[in-house]
Amino acid sequence: MSSEMYDCMVIGAGIQGSCTAYQLAKNKQKTLLLEQFVLPHSRGSSHGQTRVIRKTYEEDFYVQMMQESYELWAQLEREAGVELRTGLLVMGPENREGFSHLKATMQRHKIPTVFLEKQEFSQHIPSVNLTDGNGALIDNHRVFQSSGGVIKDGEKVIDIMPGAVGGRLVITAGPWANTLLTHTGLQLLLKVVKINVCYWKEKIPGTYSVGQRFPCFIEMESKEGEYDIYGLPSNEYPGLMKVTLLHGNNRHSHTEPDERDKQTDRGDIDILVRYVTRCLSGLVPVPAVVENCMYMVTPDRNFVLDSHSTYGNTIIGAGFSGYGFKFGPIIGKLLSQLAMGQVPSYDLSPFRIQRFQSHARSSL
């Protein structure tokens, strides 16, 4: 067993843990990044080769954070030598309160946006029947190691002995966060939700591709049951477009992360078949590939970014509720600031554990 000492240890090498470890290493902290599965793997929430990144949020604090997150993604792109950009299309009923708030927030923060009426839509995007984003995954692990960090995968943490003696610990364990936090006497209000991620074959290859500058899209409250549906242009699987439900079909179900393969609910796929048939006629309306990922959802769908209430040298990043990936670089910066005892760059009041502390369970 190794007796090497580190300034910081990060548990969980998904996007949040990797970005946190990267920031710590860049700040000359001797950092160990631990991952229970052999990398790369598809057991958590950070796998897959494409993601949507956007500034389109109703909440001002998310828009402000995404302004810097874009800059940090660009920095990672330069370091990794990777760049892939396309646009983002957001669709929704004009009378929907959330959609109106979204438009108002974009205008308030002067985010470059073009608003299209229904009659203008087909002129710009003829491949979609109507009722700012980037997509690319970067090898965070490589840039972390190039900064002096150490990764150990296939290493499952089975116990935490909390206390004031020792270095700093950051827990970014995704669906297994509460399993680890049990050892510190804390349980968060986190629900683990399994999502079916579907890829659909183009009838004519290239119709919905990155090469054709087809945008990422989000449709708010689609006719298929008021579900939010998103899609990304074909890229990671040639000729296949990713289209799936933003929060899955059974929004109130809980999945035990170690038993995810026992659940076979495909109700969301039926919804997507109807949507693809209606809105994306250039796709074969049967999914060619179905993959899974897991969301960790908080009651208010805001993140948890905080120090442990009893052990200040334990930092927690959890509950990213299905849209945390794009925030990875800024979340990594904030968690590293907490770990190093610095004042965070943003007000973390919306992300503190105490906002639902009366419901969180503690045995200490």
Protein backbone atom coordinates (compact mmCIF):
# COMPACT_ATOMS: atom_id res chain seq x y z
CA MET A 1 0.00 0.00 0.00
CA SER A 2 1.36 3.42 -0.96
CA SER A 3 2.18 5.84 1.86
CA GLU A 4 2.66 8.84 -0.42
CA MET A 5 1.10 12.06 0.89
CA TYR A 6 -0.97 14.51 -1.16
CA ASP A 7 -2.25 18.01 -0.52
CA CYS A 8 -5.64 17.14 -2.01
CA MET A 9 -7.52 14.00 -2.96
CA VAL A 10 -10.46 14.04 -5.35
CA ILE A 11 -12.84 11.07 -5.43
CA GLY A 12 -14.58 10.62 -8.78
CA ALA A 13 -12.94 11.29 -12.16
CA GLY A 14 -16.01 12.43 -14.08
CA ILE A 15 -16.19 15.93 -15.52
CA GLN A 16 -16.52 17.70 -12.16
CA GLY A 17 -13.79 15.74 -10.41
CA SER A 18 -11.44 15.99 -13.39
CA CYS A 19 -11.90 19.76 -13.65
CA THR A 20 -11.44 20.18 -9.91
CA ALA A 21 -8.25 18.09 -9.90
CA TYR A 22 -6.99 20.05 -12.93
CA GLN A 23 -7.51 23.37 -11.15
CA LEU A 24 -5.82 22.10 -7.98
CA ALA A 25 -2.81 20.84 -9.91
CA LYS A 26 -2.53 24.13 -11.80
CA ASN A 27 -2.39 25.85 -8.42
CA LYS A 28 0.63 23.72 -7.40
CA GLN A 29 -1.38 21.43 -5.14
CA LYS A 30 -0.10 17.86 -5.09
CA THR A 31 -3.32 16.13 -6.16
CA LEU A 32 -4.52 12.53 -6.42
CA LEU A 33 -7.60 11.79 -8.54
CA LEU A 34 -9.30 8.47 -7.72
CA GLU A 35 -11.83 6.63 -9.90
CA GLN A 36 -13.53 3.36 -8.95
CA PHE A 37 -13.86 2.15 -12.56
CA VAL A 38 -11.16 1.66 -15.18
CA LEU A 39 -11.09 4.72 -17.45
CA PRO A 40 -12.78 5.40 -19.77
CA HIS A 41 -16.11 3.93 -18.69
CA SER A 42 -19.84 4.51 -19.16
CA ARG A 43 -21.14 3.83 -15.65
CA GLY A 44 -21.70 7.41 -14.50
CA SER A 45 -22.78 10.69 -16.09
CA SER A 46 -19.73 12.03 -17.92
CA HIS A 47 -19.26 9.54 -20.76
CA GLY A 48 -20.11 10.08 -24.41
CA GLN A 49 -18.26 12.19 -26.94
CA THR A 50 -20.53 15.20 -27.30
CA ARG A 51 -22.39 17.62 -25.03
CA VAL A 52 -24.43 20.81 -25.31
CA ILE A 53 -22.94 23.92 -23.76
CA ARG A 54 -25.14 26.99 -23.50
CA LYS A 55 -25.77 30.29 -21.77
CA THR A 56 -29.53 30.02 -22.14
CA TYR A 57 -30.83 29.77 -18.57
CA GLU A 58 -33.65 31.48 -16.73
CA GLU A 59 -31.49 32.09 -13.62
CA ASP A 60 -29.09 35.03 -13.71
CA PHE A 61 -26.45 33.26 -11.60
CA TYR A 62 -26.20 30.38 -14.10
CA VAL A 63 -25.82 32.79 -17.02
CA GLN A 64 -23.05 34.65 -15.16
CA MET A 65 -21.23 31.41 -14.37
CA MET A 66 -21.51 30.22 -17.96
CA GLN A 67 -19.86 33.40 -19.23
CA GLU A 68 -16.65 32.34 -17.51
CA SER A 69 -17.20 28.65 -18.19
CA TYR A 70 -17.06 29.40 -21.92
CA GLU A 71 -13.67 31.07 -21.41
CA LEU A 72 -12.39 28.11 -19.39
CA TRP A 73 -13.64 25.62 -22.02
CA ALA A 74 -11.78 27.62 -24.65
CA GLN A 75 -8.63 27.43 -22.52
CA LEU A 76 -9.02 23.65 -22.22
CA GLU A 77 -9.59 23.43 -25.98
CA ARG A 78 -6.30 25.23 -26.60
CA GLU A 79 -4.39 23.03 -24.16
CA ALA A 80 -5.90 19.83 -25.57
CA GLY A 81 -5.70 20.94 -29.21
CA VAL A 82 -9.41 20.29 -29.81
CA GLU A 83 -12.16 22.57 -31.07
CA LEU A 84 -15.67 21.88 -32.29
CA ARG A 85 -18.39 24.51 -32.43
CA THR A 86 -21.95 24.67 -33.65
CA GLY A 87 -25.01 26.70 -32.74
CA LEU A 88 -27.86 26.13 -30.29
CA LEU A 89 -31.53 26.32 -31.20
CA VAL A 90 -34.06 26.70 -28.37
CA MET A 91 -37.72 26.12 -29.27
CA GLY A 92 -40.80 26.49 -27.15
CA PRO A 93 -44.32 27.88 -26.88
CA GLU A 94 -44.21 31.68 -26.63
CA ASN A 95 -46.84 31.69 -23.92
CA ARG A 96 -44.78 29.42 -21.66
CA GLU A 97 -43.54 31.36 -18.64
CA GLY A 98 -40.15 29.65 -18.61
CA PHE A 99 -39.58 30.38 -22.29
CA SER A 100 -40.43 34.07 -21.75
CA HIS A 101 -38.06 34.22 -18.78
CA LEU A 102 -35.35 32.64 -20.90
CA LYS A 103 -35.70 35.29 -23.62
CA ALA A 104 -35.68 38.07 -21.03
CA THR A 105 -32.54 36.72 -19.38
CA MET A 106 -30.71 36.51 -22.71
CA GLN A 107 -31.62 40.11 -23.48
CA ARG A 108 -30.70 41.32 -19.99
CA HIS A 109 -27.22 39.81 -20.23
CA LYS A 110 -26.79 40.85 -23.88
CA ILE A 111 -26.19 37.27 -25.06
CA PRO A 112 -26.08 37.32 -28.90
CA THR A 113 -29.40 35.74 -29.85
CA VAL A 114 -31.69 35.68 -32.90
CA PHE A 115 -35.40 35.29 -32.21
CA LEU A 116 -37.36 33.55 -34.99
CA GLU A 117 -41.11 33.56 -35.46
CA LYS A 118 -42.70 30.37 -36.73
CA GLN A 119 -43.07 31.71 -40.28
CA GLU A 120 -39.32 32.53 -40.42
CA PHE A 121 -38.17 29.24 -38.99
CA SER A 122 -38.21 26.99 -42.05
CA GLN A 123 -36.08 29.49 -44.00
CA HIS A 124 -33.24 29.08 -41.49
CA ILE A 125 -33.58 25.42 -40.47
CA PRO A 126 -35.50 23.45 -43.10
CA SER A 127 -34.54 20.06 -41.63
CA VAL A 128 -36.74 20.54 -38.55
CA ASN A 129 -40.52 20.64 -38.52
CA LEU A 130 -41.44 23.25 -35.92
CA THR A 131 -44.66 22.88 -33.72
CA ASP A 132 -25.04 29.55 -28.65
CA GLY A 133 -23.51 26.30 -27.94
CA ASN A 134 -20.44 24.10 -28.38
CA GLY A 135 -20.24 20.31 -28.33
CA ALA A 136 -16.98 18.52 -27.65
CA LEU A 137 -15.40 16.40 -24.96
CA ILE A 138 -11.84 17.17 -24.06
CA ASP A 139 -9.32 14.84 -22.44
CA ASN A 140 -9.30 16.52 -19.02
CA HIS A 141 -7.30 13.66 -17.59
CA ARG A 142 -4.39 14.32 -19.94
CA VAL A 143 -4.22 18.05 -19.20
CA PHE A 144 -4.47 17.27 -15.45
CA GLN A 145 -1.54 14.87 -15.66
CA SER A 146 0.47 17.35 -17.71
CA SER A 147 0.09 19.74 -14.74
CA GLY A 148 1.61 17.17 -12.37
CA GLY A 149 -1.54 15.41 -11.15
CA VAL A 150 -1.80 11.68 -10.45
CA ILE A 151 -4.75 9.50 -11.55
CA LYS A 152 -5.47 6.07 -10.13
CA ASP A 153 -8.42 4.33 -11.78
CA GLY A 154 -9.90 0.99 -10.80
CA GLU A 155 -9.52 2.13 -7.18
CA LYS A 156 -12.78 2.08 -5.23
CA VAL A 157 -12.89 4.06 -1.99
CA ILE A 158 -14.56 1.89 0.62
CA ASP A 159 -14.24 4.09 3.71
CA ILE A 160 -13.55 7.66 4.79
CA MET A 161 -12.26 8.42 8.27
CA PRO A 162 -13.05 12.13 8.68
CA GLY A 163 -11.08 14.40 10.94
CA ALA A 164 -9.05 17.57 11.11
CA VAL A 165 -5.74 15.76 10.62
CA GLY A 166 -4.79 15.20 7.01
CA GLY A 167 -5.10 16.92 3.67
CA ARG A 168 -8.21 18.06 1.86
CA LEU A 169 -10.80 15.81 0.30
CA VAL A 170 -13.16 16.66 -2.56
CA ILE A 171 -16.06 14.28 -3.16
CA THR A 172 -17.38 14.39 -6.74
CA ALA A 173 -18.59 10.81 -6.88
CA GLY A 174 -21.78 11.34 -8.88
CA PRO A 175 -24.43 8.68 -8.14
CA TRP A 176 -22.22 7.26 -5.36
CA ALA A 177 -21.94 10.57 -3.46
CA ASN A 178 -24.31 9.58 -0.64
CA THR A 179 -22.65 6.17 -0.31
CA LEU A 180 -19.38 7.93 0.52
CA LEU A 181 -20.97 10.69 2.58
CA THR A 182 -22.47 8.05 4.87
CA HIS A 183 -18.96 7.63 6.31
CA THR A 184 -18.97 11.33 7.27
CA GLY A 185 -22.38 11.22 8.93
CA LEU A 186 -24.14 13.18 6.19
CA GLN A 187 -26.80 12.27 3.63
CA LEU A 188 -27.93 14.73 0.97
CA LEU A 189 -31.32 14.91 -0.71
CA LEU A 190 -30.13 13.38 -3.96
CA LYS A 191 -32.23 11.27 -6.28
CA VAL A 192 -30.43 9.12 -8.86
CA VAL A 193 -32.33 8.93 -12.18
CA LYS A 194 -31.41 6.62 -15.05
CA ILE A 195 -31.74 8.19 -18.52
CA ASN A 196 -31.96 6.45 -21.90
CA VAL A 197 -29.77 8.32 -24.41
CA CYS A 198 -30.88 7.59 -27.98
CA TYR A 199 -29.16 7.95 -31.36
CA TRP A 200 -31.19 8.00 -34.59
CA LYS A 201 -30.01 7.15 -38.10
CA GLU A 202 -30.12 9.83 -40.81
CA LYS A 203 -32.06 8.73 -43.89
CA ILE A 204 -29.65 10.79 -46.00
CA PRO A 205 -26.19 10.83 -44.35
CA GLY A 206 -25.10 14.33 -43.36
CA THR A 207 -28.56 15.93 -43.17
CA TYR A 208 -28.24 16.70 -39.46
CA SER A 209 -24.44 16.74 -39.23
CA VAL A 210 -21.88 19.07 -37.71
CA GLY A 211 -20.42 19.44 -41.20
CA GLN A 212 -23.71 20.95 -42.37
CA ARG A 213 -23.64 23.32 -39.36
CA PHE A 214 -26.81 21.79 -37.98
CA PRO A 215 -27.30 23.22 -34.48
CA CYS A 216 -27.79 21.61 -31.13
CA PHE A 217 -31.39 22.13 -30.06
CA ILE A 218 -33.70 22.12 -27.06
CA GLU A 219 -37.48 22.04 -27.40
CA MET A 220 -39.26 23.11 -24.23
CA GLU A 221 -42.56 21.40 -23.45
CA SER A 222 -42.97 19.44 -26.66
CA LYS A 223 -46.38 18.17 -27.71
CA GLU A 224 -45.37 14.63 -26.71
CA GLY A 225 -46.40 15.26 -23.10
CA GLU A 226 -44.80 18.58 -22.16
CA TYR A 227 -41.34 17.03 -21.98
CA ASP A 228 -38.20 19.00 -22.76
CA ILE A 229 -36.30 17.28 -25.58
CA TYR A 230 -32.79 18.01 -26.80
CA GLY A 231 -30.65 16.93 -29.73
CA LEU A 232 -27.10 17.19 -31.03
CA PRO A 233 -25.96 16.98 -34.67
CA SER A 234 -24.48 13.73 -35.88
CA ASN A 235 -20.80 13.50 -35.01
CA GLU A 236 -19.75 10.94 -32.41
CA TYR A 237 -21.50 8.12 -34.27
CA PRO A 238 -21.27 8.89 -38.02
CA GLY A 239 -24.74 9.22 -39.48
CA LEU A 240 -26.48 9.09 -36.08
CA MET A 241 -28.07 12.07 -34.35
CA LYS A 242 -28.50 12.19 -30.58
CA VAL A 243 -32.08 13.03 -29.54
CA THR A 244 -33.34 12.32 -26.01
CA LEU A 245 -35.51 13.58 -23.14
CA LEU A 246 -33.83 16.18 -20.96
CA HIS A 247 -34.94 14.65 -17.66
CA GLY A 248 -36.11 11.21 -18.72
CA ASN A 249 -39.66 9.88 -18.62
CA ASN A 250 -40.07 8.66 -15.05
CA ARG A 251 -38.85 11.81 -13.35
CA HIS A 252 -39.76 10.64 -9.85
CA SER A 253 -38.08 7.23 -9.87
CA HIS A 254 -34.88 6.53 -7.95
CA THR A 255 -32.18 4.20 -9.25
CA GLU A 256 -29.60 2.48 -7.08
CA PRO A 257 -26.40 3.12 -9.05
CA ASP A 258 -25.07 -0.40 -8.57
CA GLU A 259 -28.38 -1.86 -9.83
CA ARG A 260 -28.93 0.36 -12.87
CA ASP A 261 -28.89 -2.57 -15.30
CA LYS A 262 -31.91 -4.13 -13.60
CA GLN A 263 -34.17 -1.27 -14.69
CA THR A 264 -35.44 -1.56 -18.26
CA ASP A 265 -38.06 1.20 -18.54
CA ARG A 266 -38.32 2.31 -22.18
CA GLY A 267 -41.31 4.65 -21.90
CA ASP A 268 -39.16 7.62 -22.83
CA ILE A 269 -38.15 5.89 -26.07
CA ASP A 270 -41.81 5.65 -27.08
CA ILE A 271 -42.14 9.40 -26.52
CA LEU A 272 -39.06 10.07 -28.63
CA VAL A 273 -40.30 7.87 -31.49
CA ARG A 274 -43.41 10.07 -31.71
CA TYR A 275 -41.30 13.23 -31.56
CA VAL A 276 -38.81 12.13 -34.22
CA THR A 277 -41.67 11.06 -36.49
CA ARG A 278 -43.34 14.46 -36.13
CA CYS A 279 -40.40 16.86 -36.09
CA LEU A 280 -37.32 15.18 -37.62
CA SER A 281 -38.56 13.48 -40.75
CA GLY A 282 -35.01 13.02 -42.03
CA LEU A 283 -34.33 10.44 -39.29
CA VAL A 284 -35.39 6.79 -39.16
CA PRO A 285 -37.93 6.82 -36.26
CA VAL A 286 -36.38 3.84 -34.46
CA PRO A 287 -33.31 4.38 -32.27
CA ALA A 288 -30.19 2.77 -33.73
CA VAL A 289 -28.24 2.99 -30.46
CA VAL A 290 -29.52 3.29 -26.87
CA GLU A 291 -27.09 4.13 -24.08
CA ASN A 292 -27.64 5.02 -20.43
CA CYS A 293 -26.41 7.64 -18.02
CA MET A 294 -27.43 8.67 -14.51
CA TYR A 295 -28.50 12.08 -13.21
CA MET A 296 -28.22 13.12 -9.57
CA VAL A 297 -31.17 15.43 -8.94
CA THR A 298 -31.70 17.78 -6.00
CA PRO A 299 -35.21 18.94 -4.94
CA ASP A 300 -34.70 22.40 -6.49
CA ARG A 301 -32.46 21.13 -9.33
CA ASN A 302 -29.62 23.41 -8.24
CA PHE A 303 -26.16 22.00 -7.57
CA VAL A 304 -24.49 21.24 -4.24
CA LEU A 305 -21.16 23.09 -3.94
CA ASP A 306 -20.16 23.34 -0.30
CA SER A 307 -17.89 22.33 2.55
CA HIS A 308 -18.98 19.61 4.95
CA SER A 309 -20.76 21.18 7.91
CA THR A 310 -18.63 19.25 10.42
CA TYR A 311 -15.38 18.61 8.56
CA GLY A 312 -14.29 21.76 6.77
CA ASN A 313 -11.50 19.98 4.90
CA THR A 314 -14.10 17.84 3.07
CA ILE A 315 -15.62 19.55 0.02
CA ILE A 316 -18.74 18.27 -1.77
CA GLY A 317 -19.78 18.69 -5.39
CA ALA A 318 -23.01 16.84 -6.21
CA GLY A 319 -26.58 17.04 -7.50
CA PHE A 320 -25.86 18.38 -10.99
CA SER A 321 -29.39 17.45 -12.08
CA GLY A 322 -28.69 16.62 -15.70
CA TYR A 323 -27.13 19.90 -16.83
CA GLY A 324 -23.88 20.19 -14.85
CA PHE A 325 -21.45 19.02 -17.54
CA LYS A 326 -21.24 22.36 -19.32
CA PHE A 327 -20.41 24.03 -15.99
CA GLY A 328 -17.51 21.61 -15.40
CA PRO A 329 -14.62 24.10 -15.72
CA ILE A 330 -16.21 26.73 -13.48
CA ILE A 331 -17.38 24.13 -10.96
CA GLY A 332 -13.84 22.74 -10.87
CA LYS A 333 -12.55 26.23 -10.17
CA LEU A 334 -15.08 26.83 -7.37
CA LEU A 335 -14.52 23.45 -5.68
CA SER A 336 -10.74 23.94 -5.85
CA GLN A 337 -11.13 27.37 -4.27
CA LEU A 338 -13.13 25.85 -1.42
CA ALA A 339 -10.51 23.12 -1.01
CA MET A 340 -7.69 25.66 -0.87
CA GLY A 341 -9.53 27.84 1.66
CA GLN A 342 -10.04 30.69 -0.79
CA VAL A 343 -13.08 32.92 -1.18
CA PRO A 344 -15.15 31.50 -4.07
CA SER A 345 -15.39 33.61 -7.23
CA TYR A 346 -19.21 33.50 -7.11
CA ASP A 347 -21.89 33.66 -4.46
CA LEU A 348 -22.54 30.03 -3.55
CA SER A 349 -25.76 30.69 -1.62
CA PRO A 350 -27.92 28.86 -4.22
CA PHE A 351 -25.69 25.79 -3.85
CA ARG A 352 -25.24 25.52 -0.08
CA ILE A 353 -26.30 22.34 1.74
CA GLN A 354 -28.12 24.37 4.38
CA ARG A 355 -30.86 25.33 1.90
CA PHE A 356 -32.41 21.93 2.61
CA GLN A 357 -30.46 21.14 5.77
CA SER A 358 -33.64 20.54 7.78
CA HIS A 359 -34.32 17.56 5.52
CA ALA A 360 -30.74 16.27 5.22
CA ARG A 361 -29.91 13.42 7.56
CA SER A 362 -26.90 13.61 9.84
CA SER A 363 -25.73 11.17 12.50
CA LEU A 364 -23.02 13.41 13.93
